[in-house]
């Protein structure tokens, strides 16, 4: 199968909630393109925290204008290395083989423990 040529698109990112919860996963989506624009997406598989992020990334894509096709693409969300709070900051990594797959790797966020305040009976960070 020949995948369409990507003309424009946003860089995918690891969703903040999934990053904080240290969740990784893979999303597979079937994409329908007409005249270079994404006109439809269907989730084949994937963790719910990542599906919306992957679809948002796909829907902002512009592909070669003469294309009318349907193809499947995969987004792989990973966490690499130490927490951002414990090591030198670094940019997340992104590997692409457009339009067939994208691998997004970020450092996990440092989790803050919940503190229970018995006087105010509420959780604080």
N, C-alpha and C. Protein backbone atom coordinates (compact mmCIF):
# COMPACT_ATOMS: atom_id res chain seq x y z
N UNK A 1 0.84 -1.19 0.00
CA UNK A 1 0.00 0.00 0.00
C UNK A 1 0.88 1.24 0.00
N UNK A 2 0.50 2.22 -0.76
CA UNK A 2 1.18 3.52 -0.79
C UNK A 2 0.44 4.49 0.11
N UNK A 3 1.15 5.02 1.10
CA UNK A 3 0.54 6.01 1.99
C UNK A 3 0.62 7.38 1.35
N UNK A 4 -0.37 8.26 1.60
CA UNK A 4 -0.34 9.60 1.01
C UNK A 4 0.78 10.44 1.62
N UNK A 5 1.28 11.37 0.84
CA UNK A 5 2.34 12.28 1.27
C UNK A 5 1.76 13.35 2.19
N UNK A 6 2.37 13.53 3.37
CA UNK A 6 1.92 14.54 4.33
C UNK A 6 2.49 15.90 3.93
N UNK A 7 1.61 16.88 3.74
CA UNK A 7 2.00 18.22 3.37
C UNK A 7 2.15 19.11 4.61
N UNK A 8 1.22 18.93 5.58
CA UNK A 8 1.23 19.76 6.79
C UNK A 8 0.60 18.97 7.92
N UNK A 9 1.14 19.16 9.14
CA UNK A 9 0.57 18.51 10.30
C UNK A 9 1.20 19.01 11.58
N UNK A 10 0.47 18.90 12.67
CA UNK A 10 1.01 19.28 13.97
C UNK A 10 1.84 18.13 14.52
N UNK A 11 2.80 18.47 15.38
CA UNK A 11 3.58 17.43 16.03
C UNK A 11 2.74 16.76 17.11
N UNK A 12 2.66 15.44 17.10
CA UNK A 12 1.88 14.76 18.14
C UNK A 12 2.59 14.86 19.49
N UNK A 13 1.81 14.90 20.57
CA UNK A 13 2.37 14.95 21.92
C UNK A 13 1.71 13.89 22.79
N UNK A 14 2.42 13.49 23.85
CA UNK A 14 1.89 12.56 24.82
C UNK A 14 0.86 13.31 25.66
N UNK A 15 -0.38 12.84 25.76
CA UNK A 15 -1.40 13.56 26.53
C UNK A 15 -0.95 13.75 27.99
N UNK A 16 -1.11 14.96 28.54
CA UNK A 16 -0.63 15.26 29.89
C UNK A 16 -1.17 14.31 30.98
N UNK A 17 -2.45 13.96 30.93
CA UNK A 17 -3.01 13.06 31.94
C UNK A 17 -2.35 11.69 31.88
N UNK A 18 -2.14 11.17 30.69
CA UNK A 18 -1.48 9.88 30.53
C UNK A 18 -0.03 9.96 30.98
N UNK A 19 0.60 11.08 30.73
CA UNK A 19 1.99 11.28 31.14
C UNK A 19 2.10 11.30 32.66
N UNK A 20 1.20 12.03 33.32
CA UNK A 20 1.20 12.10 34.78
C UNK A 20 0.92 10.73 35.39
N UNK A 21 -0.02 10.00 34.81
CA UNK A 21 -0.38 8.68 35.32
C UNK A 21 0.61 7.60 34.87
N UNK A 22 1.59 7.99 34.07
CA UNK A 22 2.62 7.08 33.55
C UNK A 22 2.02 5.94 32.74
N UNK A 23 1.09 6.30 31.87
CA UNK A 23 0.42 5.32 31.02
C UNK A 23 1.01 5.40 29.62
N UNK A 24 1.30 4.26 29.04
CA UNK A 24 1.78 4.18 27.68
C UNK A 24 0.79 3.37 26.86
N UNK A 25 0.87 3.47 25.56
CA UNK A 25 -0.06 2.69 24.75
C UNK A 25 0.09 2.96 23.27
N UNK A 26 -0.67 2.20 22.51
CA UNK A 26 -0.66 2.28 21.06
C UNK A 26 -2.08 2.49 20.57
N UNK A 27 -2.24 3.32 19.56
CA UNK A 27 -3.54 3.58 18.96
C UNK A 27 -3.44 3.30 17.47
N UNK A 28 -4.41 2.57 16.95
CA UNK A 28 -4.50 2.35 15.51
C UNK A 28 -5.79 2.98 15.02
N UNK A 29 -5.67 3.76 13.96
CA UNK A 29 -6.82 4.50 13.43
C UNK A 29 -6.88 4.33 11.91
N UNK A 30 -8.08 4.11 11.40
CA UNK A 30 -8.32 4.08 9.95
C UNK A 30 -8.70 5.50 9.54
N UNK A 31 -8.00 6.02 8.56
CA UNK A 31 -8.16 7.41 8.13
C UNK A 31 -8.67 7.44 6.68
N UNK A 32 -9.69 8.26 6.44
CA UNK A 32 -10.20 8.46 5.09
C UNK A 32 -9.85 9.87 4.64
N UNK A 33 -9.26 9.97 3.47
CA UNK A 33 -8.79 11.25 2.92
C UNK A 33 -9.44 11.49 1.56
N UNK A 34 -9.91 12.72 1.36
CA UNK A 34 -10.44 13.14 0.06
C UNK A 34 -9.89 14.53 -0.23
N UNK A 35 -9.36 14.71 -1.42
CA UNK A 35 -8.78 16.00 -1.83
C UNK A 35 -7.77 16.54 -0.83
N UNK A 36 -6.99 15.66 -0.23
CA UNK A 36 -5.94 16.07 0.68
C UNK A 36 -6.38 16.35 2.11
N UNK A 37 -7.66 16.27 2.39
CA UNK A 37 -8.16 16.54 3.74
C UNK A 37 -8.70 15.28 4.39
N UNK A 38 -8.48 15.17 5.69
CA UNK A 38 -9.01 14.04 6.44
C UNK A 38 -10.51 14.26 6.61
N UNK A 39 -11.31 13.32 6.09
CA UNK A 39 -12.77 13.45 6.17
C UNK A 39 -13.40 12.42 7.10
N UNK A 40 -12.59 11.48 7.58
CA UNK A 40 -13.14 10.49 8.49
C UNK A 40 -12.06 9.72 9.21
N UNK A 41 -12.37 9.34 10.46
CA UNK A 41 -11.47 8.50 11.25
C UNK A 41 -12.30 7.46 11.98
N UNK A 42 -11.74 6.26 12.07
CA UNK A 42 -12.37 5.18 12.82
C UNK A 42 -11.29 4.55 13.68
N UNK A 43 -11.55 4.45 14.98
CA UNK A 43 -10.59 3.82 15.88
C UNK A 43 -10.62 2.31 15.68
N UNK A 44 -9.47 1.74 15.39
CA UNK A 44 -9.34 0.30 15.26
C UNK A 44 -9.06 -0.30 16.63
N UNK A 45 -8.11 0.32 17.35
CA UNK A 45 -7.78 -0.13 18.71
C UNK A 45 -7.02 0.97 19.42
N UNK A 46 -6.99 0.88 20.75
CA UNK A 46 -6.19 1.84 21.50
C UNK A 46 -6.78 2.23 22.83
N UNK A 47 -5.92 2.69 23.72
CA UNK A 47 -6.30 3.15 25.05
C UNK A 47 -7.08 4.46 24.91
N UNK A 48 -8.21 4.59 25.61
CA UNK A 48 -9.04 5.80 25.49
C UNK A 48 -8.30 7.11 25.76
N UNK A 49 -7.28 7.10 26.62
CA UNK A 49 -6.54 8.34 26.89
C UNK A 49 -5.76 8.82 25.68
N UNK A 50 -5.46 7.92 24.77
CA UNK A 50 -4.66 8.28 23.60
C UNK A 50 -5.47 8.47 22.32
N UNK A 51 -6.66 7.90 22.26
CA UNK A 51 -7.46 7.94 21.03
C UNK A 51 -7.76 9.37 20.61
N UNK A 52 -8.28 10.19 21.52
CA UNK A 52 -8.63 11.57 21.17
C UNK A 52 -7.41 12.37 20.71
N UNK A 53 -6.28 12.18 21.39
CA UNK A 53 -5.05 12.90 21.01
C UNK A 53 -4.61 12.50 19.61
N UNK A 54 -4.65 11.21 19.30
CA UNK A 54 -4.24 10.74 17.98
C UNK A 54 -5.19 11.26 16.90
N UNK A 55 -6.48 11.21 17.17
CA UNK A 55 -7.45 11.71 16.18
C UNK A 55 -7.28 13.21 15.97
N UNK A 56 -7.06 13.97 17.04
CA UNK A 56 -6.82 15.41 16.89
C UNK A 56 -5.60 15.67 16.01
N UNK A 57 -4.52 14.89 16.24
CA UNK A 57 -3.32 15.06 15.43
C UNK A 57 -3.59 14.74 13.96
N UNK A 58 -4.36 13.69 13.72
CA UNK A 58 -4.66 13.30 12.34
C UNK A 58 -5.54 14.33 11.65
N UNK A 59 -6.54 14.85 12.36
CA UNK A 59 -7.49 15.77 11.73
C UNK A 59 -6.88 17.10 11.35
N UNK A 60 -5.76 17.49 11.96
CA UNK A 60 -5.11 18.73 11.51
C UNK A 60 -4.15 18.50 10.36
N UNK A 61 -4.02 17.28 9.90
CA UNK A 61 -3.10 16.96 8.81
C UNK A 61 -3.68 17.36 7.46
N UNK A 62 -2.78 17.78 6.58
CA UNK A 62 -3.12 18.02 5.19
C UNK A 62 -2.23 17.11 4.36
N UNK A 63 -2.83 16.37 3.47
CA UNK A 63 -2.09 15.42 2.65
C UNK A 63 -2.12 15.89 1.20
N UNK A 64 -1.34 15.22 0.35
CA UNK A 64 -1.31 15.63 -1.06
C UNK A 64 -2.73 15.74 -1.61
N UNK A 65 -2.98 16.81 -2.33
CA UNK A 65 -4.34 17.20 -2.69
C UNK A 65 -5.06 16.25 -3.65
N UNK A 66 -4.34 15.51 -4.42
CA UNK A 66 -4.98 14.64 -5.41
C UNK A 66 -5.39 13.29 -4.83
N UNK A 67 -5.18 13.11 -3.54
CA UNK A 67 -5.39 11.80 -2.92
C UNK A 67 -6.83 11.61 -2.45
N UNK A 68 -7.36 10.43 -2.77
CA UNK A 68 -8.62 9.96 -2.21
C UNK A 68 -8.36 8.51 -1.82
N UNK A 69 -8.22 8.26 -0.52
CA UNK A 69 -7.82 6.93 -0.06
C UNK A 69 -8.24 6.70 1.39
N UNK A 70 -8.13 5.46 1.80
CA UNK A 70 -8.30 5.08 3.20
C UNK A 70 -7.09 4.25 3.59
N UNK A 71 -6.53 4.55 4.76
CA UNK A 71 -5.36 3.82 5.23
C UNK A 71 -5.40 3.74 6.75
N UNK A 72 -4.60 2.84 7.31
CA UNK A 72 -4.49 2.72 8.76
C UNK A 72 -3.17 3.33 9.20
N UNK A 73 -3.19 4.00 10.34
CA UNK A 73 -1.97 4.57 10.91
C UNK A 73 -1.90 4.20 12.38
N UNK A 74 -0.69 4.20 12.93
CA UNK A 74 -0.45 3.79 14.32
C UNK A 74 0.29 4.90 15.05
N UNK A 75 -0.17 5.23 16.24
CA UNK A 75 0.51 6.16 17.14
C UNK A 75 0.98 5.35 18.34
N UNK A 76 2.27 5.43 18.66
CA UNK A 76 2.85 4.69 19.78
C UNK A 76 3.28 5.71 20.82
N UNK A 77 2.68 5.64 22.00
CA UNK A 77 2.98 6.59 23.09
C UNK A 77 3.82 5.87 24.14
N UNK A 78 5.05 6.36 24.37
CA UNK A 78 5.97 5.74 25.33
C UNK A 78 6.44 6.78 26.33
N UNK A 79 6.93 6.28 27.46
CA UNK A 79 7.61 7.13 28.44
C UNK A 79 9.02 6.59 28.57
N UNK A 80 10.00 7.47 28.43
CA UNK A 80 11.40 7.07 28.51
C UNK A 80 12.10 7.87 29.59
N UNK A 81 13.05 7.25 30.25
CA UNK A 81 13.92 7.97 31.17
C UNK A 81 13.30 8.28 32.51
N UNK A 82 13.94 9.20 33.19
CA UNK A 82 13.54 9.59 34.52
C UNK A 82 12.49 10.68 34.47
N UNK A 83 11.94 11.00 35.64
CA UNK A 83 10.96 12.07 35.75
C UNK A 83 11.58 13.40 35.33
N UNK A 84 10.77 14.26 34.74
CA UNK A 84 11.24 15.59 34.35
C UNK A 84 11.75 16.39 35.54
N UNK A 85 11.25 16.09 36.73
CA UNK A 85 11.64 16.85 37.91
C UNK A 85 12.97 16.37 38.48
N UNK A 86 13.46 15.20 38.10
CA UNK A 86 14.67 14.66 38.71
C UNK A 86 15.89 14.72 37.81
N UNK A 87 15.72 15.02 36.57
CA UNK A 87 16.84 15.07 35.63
C UNK A 87 16.79 16.38 34.86
N UNK A 88 17.85 16.62 34.10
CA UNK A 88 17.88 17.79 33.25
C UNK A 88 16.70 17.73 32.27
N UNK A 89 16.05 18.87 32.02
CA UNK A 89 14.93 18.84 31.08
C UNK A 89 15.42 18.48 29.68
N UNK A 90 14.59 17.78 28.97
CA UNK A 90 14.91 17.47 27.57
C UNK A 90 13.62 17.45 26.77
N UNK A 91 13.76 17.64 25.50
CA UNK A 91 12.59 17.58 24.63
C UNK A 91 12.17 16.14 24.45
N UNK A 92 10.87 15.90 24.29
CA UNK A 92 10.44 14.54 23.98
C UNK A 92 10.95 14.15 22.60
N UNK A 93 10.99 12.86 22.33
CA UNK A 93 11.43 12.42 21.01
C UNK A 93 10.23 12.03 20.18
N UNK A 94 10.38 12.17 18.90
CA UNK A 94 9.31 11.85 17.96
C UNK A 94 9.94 11.16 16.77
N UNK A 95 9.49 9.94 16.49
CA UNK A 95 9.93 9.21 15.31
C UNK A 95 8.71 9.08 14.39
N UNK A 96 8.91 9.34 13.13
CA UNK A 96 7.79 9.31 12.19
C UNK A 96 8.13 8.48 10.96
N UNK A 97 7.18 7.74 10.51
CA UNK A 97 7.20 7.18 9.17
C UNK A 97 5.83 7.50 8.61
N UNK A 98 5.73 8.74 8.14
CA UNK A 98 4.43 9.27 7.74
C UNK A 98 3.96 8.61 6.46
N UNK A 99 2.78 8.30 6.34
CA UNK A 99 1.66 8.44 7.23
C UNK A 99 1.35 7.13 7.97
N UNK A 100 2.27 6.19 7.96
CA UNK A 100 1.97 4.88 8.52
C UNK A 100 2.08 4.81 10.03
N UNK A 101 3.04 5.53 10.66
CA UNK A 101 3.11 5.49 12.12
C UNK A 101 3.86 6.69 12.67
N UNK A 102 3.61 6.95 13.97
CA UNK A 102 4.33 7.98 14.73
C UNK A 102 4.61 7.42 16.11
N UNK A 103 5.84 7.57 16.59
CA UNK A 103 6.21 7.11 17.93
C UNK A 103 6.56 8.35 18.77
N UNK A 104 5.80 8.56 19.85
CA UNK A 104 5.97 9.72 20.70
C UNK A 104 6.53 9.25 22.04
N UNK A 105 7.69 9.75 22.44
CA UNK A 105 8.31 9.35 23.70
C UNK A 105 8.56 10.59 24.54
N UNK A 106 8.10 10.58 25.78
CA UNK A 106 8.27 11.71 26.69
C UNK A 106 8.76 11.20 28.03
N UNK A 107 9.30 12.11 28.83
CA UNK A 107 9.67 11.74 30.20
C UNK A 107 8.42 11.79 31.07
N UNK A 108 8.30 10.88 32.05
CA UNK A 108 7.14 10.93 32.94
C UNK A 108 7.21 12.15 33.85
N UNK A 109 6.06 12.61 34.28
CA UNK A 109 6.00 13.70 35.25
C UNK A 109 6.16 13.14 36.65
N UNK A 110 6.75 13.92 37.53
CA UNK A 110 6.89 13.53 38.92
C UNK A 110 5.53 13.60 39.58
N UNK A 111 5.12 12.53 40.23
CA UNK A 111 3.83 12.52 40.91
C UNK A 111 3.97 13.16 42.28
N UNK A 112 3.04 14.04 42.63
CA UNK A 112 3.01 14.64 43.96
C UNK A 112 2.04 13.85 44.82
N UNK A 113 2.43 13.53 46.04
CA UNK A 113 1.52 12.75 46.89
C UNK A 113 0.34 13.61 47.36
N UNK A 114 -0.81 12.97 47.53
CA UNK A 114 -1.96 13.66 48.10
C UNK A 114 -1.75 13.78 49.60
N UNK A 115 -2.11 14.94 50.14
CA UNK A 115 -2.03 15.16 51.59
C UNK A 115 -3.45 15.34 52.08
N UNK A 116 -3.82 14.54 53.04
CA UNK A 116 -5.16 14.62 53.59
C UNK A 116 -5.14 15.57 54.78
N UNK A 117 -5.95 16.61 54.72
CA UNK A 117 -6.04 17.61 55.79
C UNK A 117 -7.24 17.25 56.65
N UNK A 118 -6.99 16.70 57.82
CA UNK A 118 -8.09 16.24 58.68
C UNK A 118 -8.93 17.39 59.22
N UNK A 119 -8.39 18.58 59.28
CA UNK A 119 -9.15 19.73 59.78
C UNK A 119 -10.13 20.21 58.72
N UNK A 120 -9.66 20.33 57.48
CA UNK A 120 -10.51 20.82 56.41
C UNK A 120 -11.18 19.69 55.62
N UNK A 121 -10.82 18.46 55.93
CA UNK A 121 -11.33 17.24 55.26
C UNK A 121 -11.36 17.37 53.74
N UNK A 122 -10.22 17.75 53.19
CA UNK A 122 -10.10 17.80 51.75
C UNK A 122 -8.70 17.37 51.36
N UNK A 123 -8.57 16.98 50.14
CA UNK A 123 -7.26 16.56 49.63
C UNK A 123 -6.57 17.80 49.06
N UNK A 124 -5.27 17.88 49.33
CA UNK A 124 -4.47 18.98 48.81
C UNK A 124 -3.24 18.41 48.13
N UNK A 125 -2.66 19.20 47.27
CA UNK A 125 -1.36 18.85 46.64
C UNK A 125 -0.34 19.81 47.15
